Amino acid sequence: MSQTTQSHEATSLPSSAYFTLLGDSSEVTSVSDFIEKVVMLNKEAGTEVFYRGHADENWELKPSIFRKPNGVEIEHQLFRDMVAHTPQSFSGCKSALDYLVQMQHYELPTRLLDVSTNPLVALYFACQSAEDVVAGMKAGAMAGGQVFEGLRSRGLFRWLEGSDQDSLMKSTYMVGALAGASDAPSIDVKEVADTLLAFEIFKDARALELAQCIVSSVVVSSAKEGAKARPKDGAVYLFSIPEDRVKHYDSDTVSVLANLAKCSDREIDIYTEQTKGVVKDKALKKFNKRASTQILLRQIKEEKPYFDPLIRPNDLSSIFLVKAKYGNPRIINQAGAFFIFGLGFSPSSRGSGERLTKRGDHEIPSDWIRHKFIIPKDKKQGILDELARIGITESYLFPEMDKYAKELKKKYKL
C-alpha cells in the first residue's frame, strides 16, 4: 500500500473512529502529519479549543509559580518587587491580570500557564530542545564530582597519596560524564566504568578497589542528573475547554483569582466546612465577611471599586481559561491565552476535612485534555525547519530585535 493510499484512507475515517484507534496520544513526525491529525479531531459542542507545547513530554501542566519549592510562599513579594523595580514597564496595566501577563512576558514565575489558539505555535514550542547530550555529560560529571567531594570531606581518602586522590577524582568525573550521557539501557555503565578505571595507575592497590566501590553511587547520581539534560520527546496538548470555564480579561471571576497573587499564603486559608452550602445570599454574605475573604476583597477593590463582595468558594478553587488583552506583539503573534489557577486543597490541621490554600494541589481536569501529540526527539529539528518555511520562527514568536539578530547570524553562518 502506498503512502498516498494510507493517507487517503486515514482521512476517510470519521474523526471519532480515527482517534479511538490512536488512543489518548499519537506520534507526530512532520508538520503535515500534525495538521492532518489536528483537523481530524472535530470541536466538541459547547467547548473552545486551545493548545500548549512542551519540549519535554514529562513536564507537568502547572504554572511556574507552583513548580518552585517556595514559589507560592513568596508570590506576593515577587509581584510587588517587580512592579517597584520597573514601574514604567507596568504603566499600561489596569488590573492584577494585566500585571501577571506582563510579568509572564518577562519570565517571572506566575500563576498563569500559557496556551495558544494556534496549534503550530504549540508545535514550535514542543520541538524546542530540552538540553542535549553534551549537557547530560556535563551534568553527570558535576554529579560525579560532588559524590567524590562528599566522600573526601568525610575523610574517606585521607590514607591515599595525592596522586592517587587525583586519579580517583578524575575517574569519578569520567564515570559521571559517561553515566550522564548514557541513554541506552543495553549499556552496562558500571561494567564500562570498571574497565576504564583499570587503566588508571594507582600506587596503592586499595585505591582501585575503593574506586570500583564508589562507582555505583556515582553512576546512580550522575545518570539521574544527566537524564534531566538529555534530549527528550516533546508533546502538544489539545485542550477542549467548556465554554463556561472560558473568561475574558475583564471578568470578575478572573479578578478574584488574579488578585490571589497579591495576598500572602498565610492570609488566604479557608476551611472547606466554611464553604458548604454557600450558594444562597445569606450564606454567601457570611462567607464574604470572613478574614481571608476580606483581605482578598480589599485587593480586588483596588482595581474594581464597584466590585460586589460576593466571592464564590467554587470559583476560588477553580481553574479558568482567560482570553487576555493582546497588549504586546508577542501575545499577538503567539495567539496567546492563559490558564489561571485558583486555590488548591490541603489537609486540614483540625484532623478532618480540607482547607483551601495557595499551597494546595492544583491540576487541570483530565477531561479537558482531549489529546496529546508526542513529538519524537529525532524529529524535532526537521519539524522546526518545516515551520520556519511557513514563517513560524523564533523571531516571529518573540518579535524582539535580539531574537531577529540571532536568526540573521544563523542564516548567514556568523
Protein backbone atom coordinates (compact mmCIF):
# COMPACT_ATOMS: atom_id res chain seq x y z
CA MET A 1 0.00 0.00 0.00
CA SER A 2 1.44 3.38 -0.96
CA GLN A 3 1.82 6.29 1.45
CA THR A 4 -0.75 8.27 -0.57
CA THR A 5 -3.30 5.49 -0.23
CA GLN A 6 -2.70 5.23 3.51
CA SER A 7 -3.21 8.96 3.95
CA HIS A 8 -6.44 8.92 1.94
CA GLU A 9 -7.85 6.01 3.92
CA ALA A 10 -6.97 7.70 7.22
CA THR A 11 -8.79 10.90 6.30
CA SER A 12 -11.85 8.96 5.17
CA LEU A 13 -12.44 7.71 8.71
CA PRO A 14 -14.82 9.65 10.96
CA SER A 15 -12.74 11.67 13.41
CA SER A 16 -14.16 9.85 16.44
CA ALA A 17 -13.20 6.47 14.97
CA TYR A 18 -9.80 7.78 13.92
CA PHE A 19 -8.88 8.99 17.38
CA THR A 20 -10.33 5.89 19.00
CA LEU A 21 -7.70 3.98 17.04
CA LEU A 22 -5.00 6.42 18.17
CA GLY A 23 -6.00 6.40 21.81
CA ASP A 24 -5.29 9.34 24.12
CA SER A 25 -2.00 10.16 22.40
CA SER A 26 -0.40 9.84 18.99
CA GLU A 27 3.03 10.39 17.47
CA VAL A 28 3.73 13.25 15.06
CA THR A 29 6.62 13.16 12.59
CA SER A 30 6.05 16.24 10.39
CA VAL A 31 4.03 19.45 10.14
CA SER A 32 1.66 17.92 7.58
CA ASP A 33 1.18 14.86 9.79
CA PHE A 34 0.36 17.13 12.74
CA ILE A 35 -2.10 19.30 10.80
CA GLU A 36 -3.84 16.22 9.41
CA LYS A 37 -4.35 14.79 12.89
CA VAL A 38 -5.48 18.11 14.37
CA VAL A 39 -8.15 18.76 11.72
CA MET A 40 -9.44 15.21 12.12
CA LEU A 41 -10.43 15.99 15.69
CA ASN A 42 -13.71 17.87 15.48
CA LYS A 43 -14.51 20.57 18.01
CA GLU A 44 -16.82 19.32 20.71
CA ALA A 45 -20.09 21.21 21.14
CA GLY A 46 -20.03 23.75 23.96
CA THR A 47 -16.23 23.92 24.15
CA GLU A 48 -13.33 26.02 22.90
CA VAL A 49 -10.01 24.55 21.72
CA PHE A 50 -6.54 25.63 22.86
CA TYR A 51 -3.04 24.17 22.56
CA ARG A 52 0.17 24.04 24.57
CA GLY A 53 3.59 22.68 23.61
CA HIS A 54 6.16 21.11 25.96
CA ALA A 55 9.77 20.45 24.95
CA ASP A 56 9.70 17.51 27.38
CA GLU A 57 6.58 15.34 27.34
CA ASN A 58 7.07 14.60 31.05
CA TRP A 59 6.75 18.22 32.16
CA GLU A 60 3.77 18.97 34.38
CA LEU A 61 0.86 21.13 33.29
CA LYS A 62 1.40 23.60 36.11
CA PRO A 63 2.21 27.33 36.20
CA SER A 64 5.81 28.21 37.01
CA ILE A 65 4.97 29.59 40.47
CA PHE A 66 3.80 26.12 41.55
CA ARG A 67 6.91 24.41 40.19
CA LYS A 68 9.21 26.33 42.54
CA PRO A 69 9.65 24.95 46.09
CA ASN A 70 8.89 28.30 47.74
CA GLY A 71 7.08 29.94 44.83
CA VAL A 72 3.66 30.35 46.43
CA GLU A 73 5.21 31.50 49.69
CA ILE A 74 6.90 34.49 48.03
CA GLU A 75 4.40 35.12 45.19
CA HIS A 76 3.07 38.35 46.74
CA GLN A 77 6.63 39.61 47.24
CA LEU A 78 7.63 38.81 43.66
CA PHE A 79 4.59 40.74 42.44
CA ARG A 80 5.37 43.90 44.40
CA ASP A 81 9.15 43.80 43.97
CA MET A 82 8.80 43.50 40.20
CA VAL A 83 6.45 46.47 39.96
CA ALA A 84 8.52 48.58 42.36
CA HIS A 85 11.72 47.91 40.39
CA THR A 86 10.40 48.80 36.92
CA PRO A 87 7.10 50.70 37.34
CA GLN A 88 7.40 52.13 33.83
CA SER A 89 7.08 48.61 32.41
CA PHE A 90 3.64 48.32 34.02
CA SER A 91 2.30 51.80 33.28
CA GLY A 92 -0.39 50.41 30.99
CA CYS A 93 -1.64 47.78 33.44
CA LYS A 94 -5.13 48.33 34.81
CA SER A 95 -5.76 45.06 36.65
CA ALA A 96 -3.97 42.28 38.51
CA LEU A 97 -4.33 40.13 35.40
CA ASP A 98 -2.61 42.80 33.28
CA TYR A 99 0.29 42.79 35.74
CA LEU A 100 0.54 38.99 35.72
CA VAL A 101 0.53 38.85 31.92
CA GLN A 102 3.33 41.42 31.80
CA MET A 103 5.30 39.51 34.45
CA GLN A 104 4.83 36.33 32.44
CA HIS A 105 6.24 38.23 29.45
CA TYR A 106 9.40 38.92 31.47
CA GLU A 107 9.58 35.26 32.57
CA LEU A 108 8.77 35.89 36.22
CA PRO A 109 7.03 32.87 37.80
CA THR A 110 3.26 33.45 37.95
CA ARG A 111 0.01 31.51 38.42
CA LEU A 112 -0.63 31.72 34.67
CA LEU A 113 0.01 28.89 32.19
CA ASP A 114 0.41 29.93 28.54
CA VAL A 115 -1.67 28.34 25.81
CA SER A 116 -2.40 29.28 22.20
CA THR A 117 -5.29 29.15 19.77
CA ASN A 118 -2.74 28.33 17.04
CA PRO A 119 -1.67 24.65 17.02
CA LEU A 120 1.50 25.45 15.03
CA VAL A 121 2.69 27.76 17.79
CA ALA A 122 2.32 24.91 20.29
CA LEU A 123 4.13 22.59 17.89
CA TYR A 124 7.05 25.03 17.70
CA PHE A 125 7.46 25.02 21.48
CA ALA A 126 7.14 21.23 21.63
CA CYS A 127 10.07 20.96 19.20
CA GLN A 128 12.44 23.03 21.31
CA SER A 129 15.43 21.28 22.80
CA ALA A 130 15.22 20.05 26.37
CA GLU A 131 19.03 20.41 26.51
CA ASP A 132 21.32 17.85 24.82
CA VAL A 133 23.83 15.01 25.22
CA VAL A 134 26.72 17.39 25.97
CA ALA A 135 24.64 18.95 28.72
CA GLY A 136 23.94 15.45 30.02
CA MET A 137 27.65 14.69 30.15
CA LYS A 138 28.36 17.95 31.98
CA ALA A 139 25.55 17.34 34.47
CA GLY A 140 26.76 13.78 35.03
CA ALA A 141 30.37 14.86 35.50
CA MET A 142 29.33 17.51 38.02
CA ALA A 143 27.25 14.96 39.94
CA GLY A 144 30.20 12.54 39.93
CA GLY A 145 32.47 15.27 41.24
CA GLN A 146 30.01 16.08 44.01
CA VAL A 147 29.98 12.43 45.11
CA PHE A 148 33.79 12.43 45.22
CA GLU A 149 34.00 15.70 47.17
CA GLY A 150 31.33 14.49 49.58
CA LEU A 151 33.29 11.32 50.34
CA ARG A 152 36.59 13.19 50.60
CA SER A 153 35.08 15.69 53.06
CA ARG A 154 34.27 12.73 55.31
CA GLY A 155 37.93 11.68 55.32
CA LEU A 156 37.42 8.54 53.24
CA PHE A 157 40.54 9.15 51.13
CA ARG A 158 42.89 10.53 53.79
CA TRP A 159 45.17 7.48 53.58
CA LEU A 160 45.67 7.90 49.81
CA GLU A 161 48.63 9.76 48.35
CA GLY A 162 47.93 12.96 46.45
CA SER A 163 48.46 11.38 43.03
CA ASP A 164 46.05 8.56 43.88
CA GLN A 165 43.45 11.07 45.03
CA ASP A 166 43.85 12.98 41.76
CA SER A 167 43.42 9.78 39.75
CA LEU A 168 40.36 8.84 41.78
CA MET A 169 38.85 12.30 41.31
CA LYS A 170 39.48 12.18 37.55
CA SER A 171 37.87 8.74 37.43
CA THR A 172 34.69 9.86 39.20
CA TYR A 173 34.29 12.80 36.82
CA MET A 174 34.86 10.46 33.86
CA VAL A 175 32.37 7.88 35.13
CA GLY A 176 29.89 10.65 35.88
CA ALA A 177 30.13 12.01 32.35
CA LEU A 178 29.67 8.52 30.92
CA ALA A 179 26.60 7.84 33.05
CA GLY A 180 25.17 11.28 32.34
CA ALA A 181 25.42 10.77 28.58
CA SER A 182 24.14 7.19 28.51
CA ASP A 183 20.61 6.90 27.16
CA ALA A 184 20.69 3.24 26.12
CA PRO A 185 19.53 0.66 28.68
CA SER A 186 21.61 -2.01 26.92
CA ILE A 187 24.85 -0.29 28.00
CA ASP A 188 26.20 -1.53 31.32
CA VAL A 189 27.71 1.72 32.53
CA LYS A 190 29.25 0.15 35.62
CA GLU A 191 30.98 -2.54 33.58
CA VAL A 192 32.42 0.04 31.18
CA ALA A 193 33.43 2.25 34.09
CA ASP A 194 35.27 -0.60 35.83
CA THR A 195 37.16 -1.28 32.60
CA LEU A 196 38.16 2.37 32.29
CA LEU A 197 39.22 2.52 35.93
CA ALA A 198 41.58 -0.39 35.36
CA PHE A 199 43.65 1.85 33.09
CA GLU A 200 44.35 4.28 35.93
CA ILE A 201 47.69 3.79 37.68
CA PHE A 202 47.26 3.74 41.44
CA LYS A 203 50.26 3.47 43.77
CA ASP A 204 48.05 1.90 46.41
CA ALA A 205 46.20 -1.20 45.17
CA ARG A 206 43.35 -0.45 47.55
CA ALA A 207 42.60 2.74 45.59
CA LEU A 208 41.31 0.78 42.58
CA GLU A 209 39.16 -1.36 44.84
CA LEU A 210 37.79 1.76 46.51
CA ALA A 211 37.15 3.38 43.12
CA GLN A 212 35.14 0.39 41.98
CA CYS A 213 33.10 0.53 45.19
CA ILE A 214 32.06 4.15 44.74
CA VAL A 215 31.24 3.72 41.03
CA SER A 216 27.69 2.58 41.85
CA SER A 217 26.99 5.77 43.80
CA VAL A 218 28.43 7.91 41.02
CA VAL A 219 26.51 6.08 38.29
CA VAL A 220 23.16 6.41 40.07
CA SER A 221 23.62 10.09 40.89
CA SER A 222 25.11 11.05 37.52
CA ALA A 223 22.58 9.10 35.46
CA LYS A 224 19.76 10.85 37.29
CA GLU A 225 21.20 14.32 36.66
CA GLY A 226 22.22 13.51 33.10
CA ALA A 227 18.76 12.23 32.24
CA LYS A 228 17.32 15.65 33.08
CA ALA A 229 19.57 17.27 30.48
CA ARG A 230 19.45 14.78 27.59
CA PRO A 231 17.19 15.25 24.56
CA LYS A 232 13.53 14.49 25.26
CA ASP A 233 10.43 13.76 23.25
CA GLY A 234 8.13 16.77 23.14
CA ALA A 235 4.35 17.00 23.41
CA VAL A 236 1.47 19.14 22.20
CA TYR A 237 -1.66 19.15 24.34
CA LEU A 238 -5.02 19.82 22.73
CA PHE A 239 -7.43 21.18 25.32
CA SER A 240 -11.19 21.20 24.93
CA ILE A 241 -12.41 23.74 27.49
CA PRO A 242 -16.10 24.05 28.48
CA GLU A 243 -17.39 27.47 27.41
CA ASP A 244 -18.44 28.36 30.96
CA ARG A 245 -14.78 27.97 32.01
CA VAL A 246 -13.53 30.41 29.37
CA LYS A 247 -13.41 34.02 30.59
CA HIS A 248 -12.36 37.37 29.18
CA TYR A 249 -9.80 39.74 30.67
CA ASP A 250 -12.44 41.90 32.42
CA SER A 251 -14.25 39.01 34.13
CA ASP A 252 -14.95 39.46 37.85
CA THR A 253 -14.07 35.80 38.40
CA VAL A 254 -10.68 36.37 36.80
CA SER A 255 -10.14 39.41 39.05
CA VAL A 256 -10.72 37.19 42.08
CA LEU A 257 -8.10 34.63 41.05
CA ALA A 258 -5.57 37.14 39.71
CA ASN A 259 -5.59 39.10 42.97
CA LEU A 260 -4.62 35.98 44.91
CA ALA A 261 -1.11 36.77 43.66
CA LYS A 262 -1.09 39.90 45.84
CA CYS A 263 -2.03 38.02 49.03
CA SER A 264 0.36 36.01 51.18
CA ASP A 265 -0.23 32.31 51.72
CA ARG A 266 -0.87 32.99 55.43
CA GLU A 267 -3.64 35.45 54.62
CA ILE A 268 -5.61 33.02 52.44
CA ASP A 269 -6.58 29.92 54.42
CA ILE A 270 -10.18 28.70 54.22
CA TYR A 271 -11.60 25.54 55.80
CA THR A 272 -13.86 23.71 53.39
CA GLU A 273 -16.53 23.34 56.08
CA GLN A 274 -16.94 27.10 55.80
CA THR A 275 -17.82 26.74 52.11
CA LYS A 276 -20.55 24.09 52.41
CA GLY A 277 -23.95 25.34 51.38
CA VAL A 278 -22.58 28.73 50.35
CA VAL A 279 -24.97 29.22 47.48
CA LYS A 280 -27.77 31.30 48.94
CA ASP A 281 -27.42 35.02 49.59
CA LYS A 282 -27.30 34.82 53.38
CA ALA A 283 -24.58 32.14 53.47
CA LEU A 284 -22.64 33.86 50.70
CA LYS A 285 -22.61 37.18 52.57
CA LYS A 286 -21.40 35.41 55.72
CA PHE A 287 -18.59 33.72 53.78
CA ASN A 288 -17.51 37.06 52.33
CA LYS A 289 -17.17 38.55 55.82
CA ARG A 290 -14.51 36.02 56.84
CA ALA A 291 -10.99 37.34 57.38
CA SER A 292 -9.35 35.63 54.38
CA THR A 293 -12.13 36.72 52.05
CA GLN A 294 -12.00 40.31 53.30
CA ILE A 295 -8.25 40.53 52.62
CA LEU A 296 -8.80 39.33 49.07
CA LEU A 297 -11.75 41.70 48.58
CA ARG A 298 -9.60 44.69 49.52
CA GLN A 299 -7.12 43.78 46.78
CA ILE A 300 -9.90 43.36 44.20
CA LYS A 301 -11.48 46.72 45.07
CA GLU A 302 -8.19 48.47 44.26
CA GLU A 303 -8.88 47.74 40.59
CA LYS A 304 -12.69 47.46 40.74
CA PRO A 305 -14.14 49.80 43.41
CA TYR A 306 -17.63 48.75 42.33
CA PHE A 307 -16.96 45.03 42.92
CA ASP A 308 -19.78 43.36 44.87
CA PRO A 309 -18.45 41.44 47.93
CA LEU A 310 -19.82 38.14 46.66
CA ILE A 311 -16.82 35.87 46.09
CA ARG A 312 -17.99 32.30 45.48
CA PRO A 313 -15.98 29.45 47.06
CA ASN A 314 -16.31 27.28 43.96
CA ASP A 315 -14.62 29.98 41.89
CA LEU A 316 -11.74 30.22 44.36
CA SER A 317 -10.89 26.54 43.91
CA SER A 318 -11.22 26.55 40.12
CA ILE A 319 -9.06 26.89 37.03
CA PHE A 320 -10.25 29.10 34.18
CA LEU A 321 -9.06 29.82 30.66
CA VAL A 322 -8.55 33.56 30.20
CA LYS A 323 -8.54 35.44 26.92
CA ALA A 324 -6.20 38.26 27.88
CA LYS A 325 -5.83 41.55 26.04
CA TYR A 326 -3.45 41.39 23.08
CA GLY A 327 -1.29 44.06 24.68
CA ASN A 328 2.07 43.28 23.10
CA PRO A 329 3.38 41.84 19.79
CA ARG A 330 4.47 38.60 21.43
CA ILE A 331 0.98 37.70 22.63
CA ILE A 332 -0.44 38.71 19.25
CA ASN A 333 1.97 36.55 17.25
CA GLN A 334 1.64 33.62 19.62
CA ALA A 335 -2.18 33.89 19.62
CA GLY A 336 -1.84 33.70 23.36
CA ALA A 337 -4.28 32.91 26.14
CA PHE A 338 -3.76 31.62 29.68
CA PHE A 339 -4.98 29.19 32.27
CA ILE A 340 -5.29 31.00 35.59
CA PHE A 341 -5.12 28.79 38.67
CA GLY A 342 -7.02 29.40 41.90
CA LEU A 343 -6.59 27.85 45.34
CA GLY A 344 -5.87 24.19 45.91
CA PHE A 345 -6.88 21.70 48.57
CA SER A 346 -4.63 20.89 51.54
CA PRO A 347 -5.18 18.56 54.52
CA SER A 348 -6.89 20.26 57.44
CA SER A 349 -4.97 20.71 60.70
CA ARG A 350 -8.24 20.01 62.51
CA GLY A 351 -7.84 16.31 61.74
CA SER A 352 -10.64 16.02 59.21
CA GLY A 353 -11.74 17.79 56.09
CA GLU A 354 -9.61 20.01 53.88
CA ARG A 355 -8.51 23.60 53.52
CA LEU A 356 -8.40 25.89 50.51
CA THR A 357 -4.91 27.40 50.40
CA LYS A 358 -2.43 28.88 47.96
CA ARG A 359 -0.17 25.89 48.66
CA GLY A 360 -2.82 23.28 47.84
CA ASP A 361 -2.73 20.81 44.96
CA HIS A 362 -3.63 22.17 41.54
CA GLU A 363 -4.42 20.08 38.48
CA ILE A 364 -6.05 20.74 35.12
CA PRO A 365 -9.11 18.45 34.84
CA SER A 366 -8.21 15.36 32.83
CA ASP A 367 -11.36 15.62 30.74
CA TRP A 368 -10.13 18.99 29.42
CA ILE A 369 -7.15 17.24 27.79
CA ARG A 370 -8.67 15.98 24.56
CA HIS A 371 -5.46 14.64 23.02
CA LYS A 372 -1.69 14.54 23.50
CA PHE A 373 0.58 14.56 20.44
CA ILE A 374 4.07 13.13 21.02
CA ILE A 375 6.98 14.67 19.10
CA PRO A 376 9.95 12.23 18.89
CA LYS A 377 13.22 13.93 19.77
CA ASP A 378 14.83 12.88 16.49
CA LYS A 379 12.01 14.58 14.51
CA LYS A 380 12.16 17.94 16.27
CA GLN A 381 14.73 19.69 14.05
CA GLY A 382 13.05 18.55 10.85
CA ILE A 383 9.70 19.90 12.06
CA LEU A 384 11.32 23.19 13.11
CA ASP A 385 12.80 23.53 9.61
CA GLU A 386 9.34 22.97 8.11
CA LEU A 387 7.77 25.51 10.47
CA ALA A 388 10.43 28.07 9.52
CA ARG A 389 9.47 27.71 5.87
CA ILE A 390 5.92 28.80 6.72
CA GLY A 391 7.02 31.67 8.95
CA ILE A 392 6.85 30.13 12.42
CA THR A 393 10.28 31.12 13.74
CA GLU A 394 11.77 32.37 16.99
CA SER A 395 11.88 35.97 15.74
CA TYR A 396 8.20 35.80 14.77
CA LEU A 397 7.02 34.37 18.09
CA PHE A 398 9.41 36.59 20.08
CA PRO A 399 9.48 39.77 17.96
CA GLU A 400 12.29 41.47 19.87
CA MET A 401 15.35 42.71 18.00
CA ASP A 402 17.80 40.37 19.74
CA LYS A 403 15.85 37.32 18.51
CA TYR A 404 15.93 38.57 14.91
CA ALA A 405 19.65 39.31 15.22
CA LYS A 406 20.18 35.74 16.41
CA GLU A 407 18.23 34.46 13.40
CA LEU A 408 20.30 36.56 10.99
CA LYS A 409 23.55 35.23 12.46
CA LYS A 410 22.31 31.70 11.93
CA LYS A 411 21.16 32.47 8.38
CA TYR A 412 24.49 33.98 7.35
CA LYS A 413 26.53 31.50 9.43
CA LEU A 414 28.21 34.17 11.54
